[in-house]
C-alpha atoms as a PDB file:
ATOM      1  CA  MET A   1      90.838  82.589  91.474  1.00  0.00           C
ATOM      2  CA  ALA A   2      88.690  83.823  88.656  1.00  0.00           C
ATOM      3  CA  THR A   3      87.110  80.253  88.086  1.00  0.00           C
ATOM      4  CA  ASP A   4      85.807  79.976  91.599  1.00  0.00           C
ATOM      5  CA  LYS A   5      84.336  83.603  91.451  1.00  0.00           C
ATOM      6  CA  ASN A   6      82.595  82.951  88.163  1.00  0.00           C
ATOM      7  CA  LYS A   7      81.310  79.473  89.406  1.00  0.00           C
ATOM      8  CA  THR A   8      80.046  81.030  92.597  1.00  0.00           C
ATOM      9  CA  GLU A   9      78.218  83.795  90.577  1.00  0.00           C
ATOM     10  CA  LEU A  10      76.578  81.167  88.397  1.00  0.00           C
ATOM     11  CA  ASN A  11      75.611  79.024  91.331  1.00  0.00           C
ATOM     12  CA  ILE A  12      74.003  81.911  92.968  1.00  0.00           C
ATOM     13  CA  LEU A  13      71.928  82.589  89.905  1.00  0.00           C
ATOM     14  CA  ASP A  14      70.915  79.078  90.145  1.00  0.00           C
ATOM     15  CA  ILE A  15      69.517  79.106  86.491  1.00  0.00           C
ATOM     16  CA  LYS A  16      68.031  75.699  85.867  1.00  0.00           C
ATOM     17  CA  PHE A  17      66.295  74.101  82.900  1.00  0.00           C
ATOM     18  CA  ASN A  18      63.691  71.369  82.681  1.00  0.00           C
ATOM     19  CA  LYS A  19      65.761  68.370  81.879  1.00  0.00           C
ATOM     20  CA  TRP A  20      68.734  66.971  79.978  1.00  0.00           C
ATOM     21  CA  LYS A  21      67.971  65.479  76.516  1.00  0.00           C
ATOM     22  CA  GLU A  22      68.263  61.660  76.331  1.00  0.00           C
ATOM     23  CA  LEU A  23      71.856  60.919  75.300  1.00  0.00           C
ATOM     24  CA  SER A  24      72.524  58.701  72.281  1.00  0.00           C
ATOM     25  CA  GLU A  25      74.236  55.483  73.018  1.00  0.00           C
ATOM     26  CA  PHE A  26      77.580  57.088  71.746  1.00  0.00           C
ATOM     27  CA  TYR A  27      77.349  59.763  74.399  1.00  0.00           C
ATOM     28  CA  LYS A  28      76.190  57.395  77.112  1.00  0.00           C
ATOM     29  CA  ASN A  29      79.255  55.239  76.454  1.00  0.00           C
ATOM     30  CA  LEU A  30      81.594  58.081  76.913  1.00  0.00           C
ATOM     31  CA  ILE A  31      81.217  57.443  80.693  1.00  0.00           C
ATOM     32  CA  ASN A  32      83.015  54.254  80.281  1.00  0.00           C
ATOM     33  CA  ILE A  33      86.231  55.953  79.045  1.00  0.00           C
ATOM     34  CA  GLU A  34      88.997  55.498  81.578  1.00  0.00           C
ATOM     35  CA  ASP A  35      90.072  58.696  83.436  1.00  0.00           C
ATOM     36  CA  TYR A  36      93.371  57.187  84.723  1.00  0.00           C
ATOM     37  CA  ASP A  37      96.170  55.255  83.256  1.00  0.00           C
ATOM     38  CA  LYS A  38      97.698  52.124  84.858  1.00  0.00           C
ATOM     39  CA  ASN A  39      99.935  54.403  87.122  1.00  0.00           C
ATOM     40  CA  ASN A  40      96.838  56.230  88.322  1.00  0.00           C
ATOM     41  CA  LYS A  41      97.759  59.407  86.490  1.00  0.00           C
ATOM     42  CA  ILE A  42      94.866  61.292  84.955  1.00  0.00           C
ATOM     43  CA  ILE A  43      94.415  61.110  81.185  1.00  0.00           C
ATOM     44  CA  GLU A  44      93.270  64.608  80.591  1.00  0.00           C
ATOM     45  CA  THR A  45      91.805  64.214  77.102  1.00  0.00           C
ATOM     46  CA  ASN A  46      89.727  61.180  78.356  1.00  0.00           C
ATOM     47  CA  HIS A  47      88.540  63.141  81.445  1.00  0.00           C
ATOM     48  CA  PHE A  48      87.481  66.171  79.291  1.00  0.00           C
ATOM     49  CA  ILE A  49      85.472  63.930  76.902  1.00  0.00           C
ATOM     50  CA  ARG A  50      84.067  61.683  79.642  1.00  0.00           C
ATOM     51  CA  GLN A  51      82.405  64.654  81.275  1.00  0.00           C
ATOM     52  CA  HIS A  52      80.093  64.784  78.089  1.00  0.00           C
ATOM     53  CA  ALA A  53      78.323  61.763  79.630  1.00  0.00           C
ATOM     54  CA  ASN A  54      79.142  62.148  83.271  1.00  0.00           C
ATOM     55  CA  ILE A  55      77.466  65.546  83.748  1.00  0.00           C
ATOM     56  CA  PRO A  56      74.119  65.037  82.040  1.00  0.00           C
ATOM     57  CA  CYS A  57      73.791  61.474  83.510  1.00  0.00           C
ATOM     58  CA  ASN A  58      74.778  62.493  87.084  1.00  0.00           C
ATOM     59  CA  ASP A  59      74.125  66.151  87.681  1.00  0.00           C
ATOM     60  CA  LYS A  60      71.035  68.428  87.758  1.00  0.00           C
ATOM     61  CA  PRO A  61      70.507  70.599  84.645  1.00  0.00           C
ATOM     62  CA  CYS A  62      71.629  73.995  85.232  1.00  0.00           C
ATOM     63  CA  LEU A  63      73.616  76.781  83.566  1.00  0.00           C
ATOM     64  CA  THR A  64      76.802  75.973  85.440  1.00  0.00           C
ATOM     65  CA  LYS A  65      76.866  72.433  84.301  1.00  0.00           C
ATOM     66  CA  ILE A  66      76.265  73.571  80.650  1.00  0.00           C
ATOM     67  CA  ILE A  67      79.250  75.853  80.975  1.00  0.00           C
ATOM     68  CA  GLN A  68      81.279  73.070  82.465  1.00  0.00           C
ATOM     69  CA  ILE A  69      80.409  70.768  79.383  1.00  0.00           C
ATOM     70  CA  ALA A  70      81.437  73.685  77.067  1.00  0.00           C
ATOM     71  CA  LEU A  71      84.759  74.251  78.992  1.00  0.00           C
ATOM     72  CA  ASN A  72      85.499  70.476  78.828  1.00  0.00           C
ATOM     73  CA  SER A  73      84.885  70.631  75.113  1.00  0.00           C
ATOM     74  CA  GLY A  74      87.369  73.496  74.767  1.00  0.00           C
ATOM     75  CA  GLN A  75      89.881  71.742  76.998  1.00  0.00           C
ATOM     76  CA  PHE A  76      89.522  68.646  74.964  1.00  0.00           C
ATOM     77  CA  LEU A  77      89.950  70.346  71.576  1.00  0.00           C
ATOM     78  CA  GLY A  78      92.877  72.353  72.901  1.00  0.00           C
ATOM     79  CA  SER A  79      94.826  69.271  74.294  1.00  0.00           C
ATOM     80  CA  ALA A  80      93.709  66.420  72.057  1.00  0.00           C
ATOM     81  CA  THR A  81      95.701  64.979  69.122  1.00  0.00           C
ATOM     82  CA  ILE A  82      94.297  64.919  65.709  1.00  0.00           C
ATOM     83  CA  ASN A  83      93.557  61.111  66.206  1.00  0.00           C
ATOM     84  CA  ASP A  84      91.666  61.917  69.421  1.00  0.00           C
ATOM     85  CA  ILE A  85      89.558  64.675  67.648  1.00  0.00           C
ATOM     86  CA  ASN A  86      88.781  62.414  64.676  1.00  0.00           C
ATOM     87  CA  LYS A  87      87.311  59.809  66.987  1.00  0.00           C
ATOM     88  CA  TYR A  88      84.662  62.378  67.976  1.00  0.00           C
ATOM     89  CA  LYS A  89      84.447  64.346  64.708  1.00  0.00           C
ATOM     90  CA  ASN A  90      81.134  62.887  63.533  1.00  0.00           C
ATOM     91  CA  ASN A  91      79.564  63.354  66.928  1.00  0.00           C
ATOM     92  CA  LYS A  92      79.834  67.083  67.345  1.00  0.00           C
ATOM     93  CA  LEU A  93      80.215  68.451  70.752  1.00  0.00           C
ATOM     94  CA  LYS A  94      77.493  70.991  70.804  1.00  0.00           C
ATOM     95  CA  ILE A  95      74.905  72.298  73.224  1.00  0.00           C
ATOM     96  CA  SER A  96      71.833  70.759  71.388  1.00  0.00           C
ATOM     97  CA  THR A  97      73.128  67.420  72.253  1.00  0.00           C
ATOM     98  CA  TYR A  98      72.278  68.135  75.870  1.00  0.00           C
ATOM     99  CA  MET A  99      69.443  70.609  75.842  1.00  0.00           C
ATOM    100  CA  TYR A 100      66.109  71.139  74.122  1.00  0.00           C
ATOM    101  CA  LYS A 101      65.851  74.280  71.869  1.00  0.00           C
ATOM    102  CA  LYS A 102      63.150  75.789  74.105  1.00  0.00           C
ATOM    103  CA  ASP A 103      65.316  75.457  77.180  1.00  0.00           C
ATOM    104  CA  ILE A 104      68.398  76.919  75.226  1.00  0.00           C
ATOM    105  CA  LYS A 105      66.133  80.008  74.508  1.00  0.00           C
ATOM    106  CA  THR A 106      64.739  80.250  78.048  1.00  0.00           C
ATOM    107  CA  ILE A 107      68.023  79.933  79.860  1.00  0.00           C
ATOM    108  CA  SER A 108      69.734  82.426  77.484  1.00  0.00           C
ATOM    109  CA  LYS A 109      67.120  85.066  78.447  1.00  0.00           C
ATOM    110  CA  ASP A 110      67.908  84.553  82.087  1.00  0.00           C
ATOM    111  CA  ILE A 111      71.575  85.136  82.005  1.00  0.00           C
ATOM    112  CA  PRO A 112      72.442  88.704  83.183  1.00  0.00           C
ATOM    113  CA  GLU A 113      74.614  90.647  80.907  1.00  0.00           C
ATOM    114  CA  GLN A 114      77.345  91.161  83.626  1.00  0.00           C
ATOM    115  CA  ILE A 115      77.821  87.408  84.031  1.00  0.00           C
ATOM    116  CA  ILE A 116      78.289  87.080  80.371  1.00  0.00           C
ATOM    117  CA  ILE A 117      80.868  89.880  80.461  1.00  0.00           C
ATOM    118  CA  ASN A 118      82.656  88.333  83.516  1.00  0.00           C
ATOM    119  CA  ILE A 119      82.840  84.838  81.906  1.00  0.00           C
ATOM    120  CA  LYS A 120      84.180  86.329  78.619  1.00  0.00           C
ATOM    121  CA  LYS A 121      86.800  88.349  80.492  1.00  0.00           C
ATOM    122  CA  TYR A 122      87.883  85.173  82.310  1.00  0.00           C
ATOM    123  CA  LEU A 123      88.016  83.176  79.151  1.00  0.00           C
ATOM    124  CA  ASP A 124      89.956  85.932  77.325  1.00  0.00           C
ATOM    125  CA  GLU A 125      92.560  86.033  80.142  1.00  0.00           C
ATOM    126  CA  GLN A 126      93.089  82.248  79.703  1.00  0.00           C
END
């Protein structure tokens, strides 16, 4: 599966950055969104948006986790209703919410071109 291969490539690179930015109360509270309904069925849009707090609060800062946040943003925007999207409209889902500018620049330089090509190819196929 392409996802596992790409994730493995990123994990092998092990590109880390200093630390996550401190999240605003809005983002910290996203972790309290319920992932499951009363029938224990996952609520996908909730899961995708909840990851925006879960990852920076519970995982070490690295390229793989930033890409996971970006993927969750895309999945949220692709599956959410207009009402869901409007709830988060004023709180843009962008990388600078989670990373300092200097870390963005540093990590960007460390990503090999072939990895970028592989990820783009995978995303284009989806």
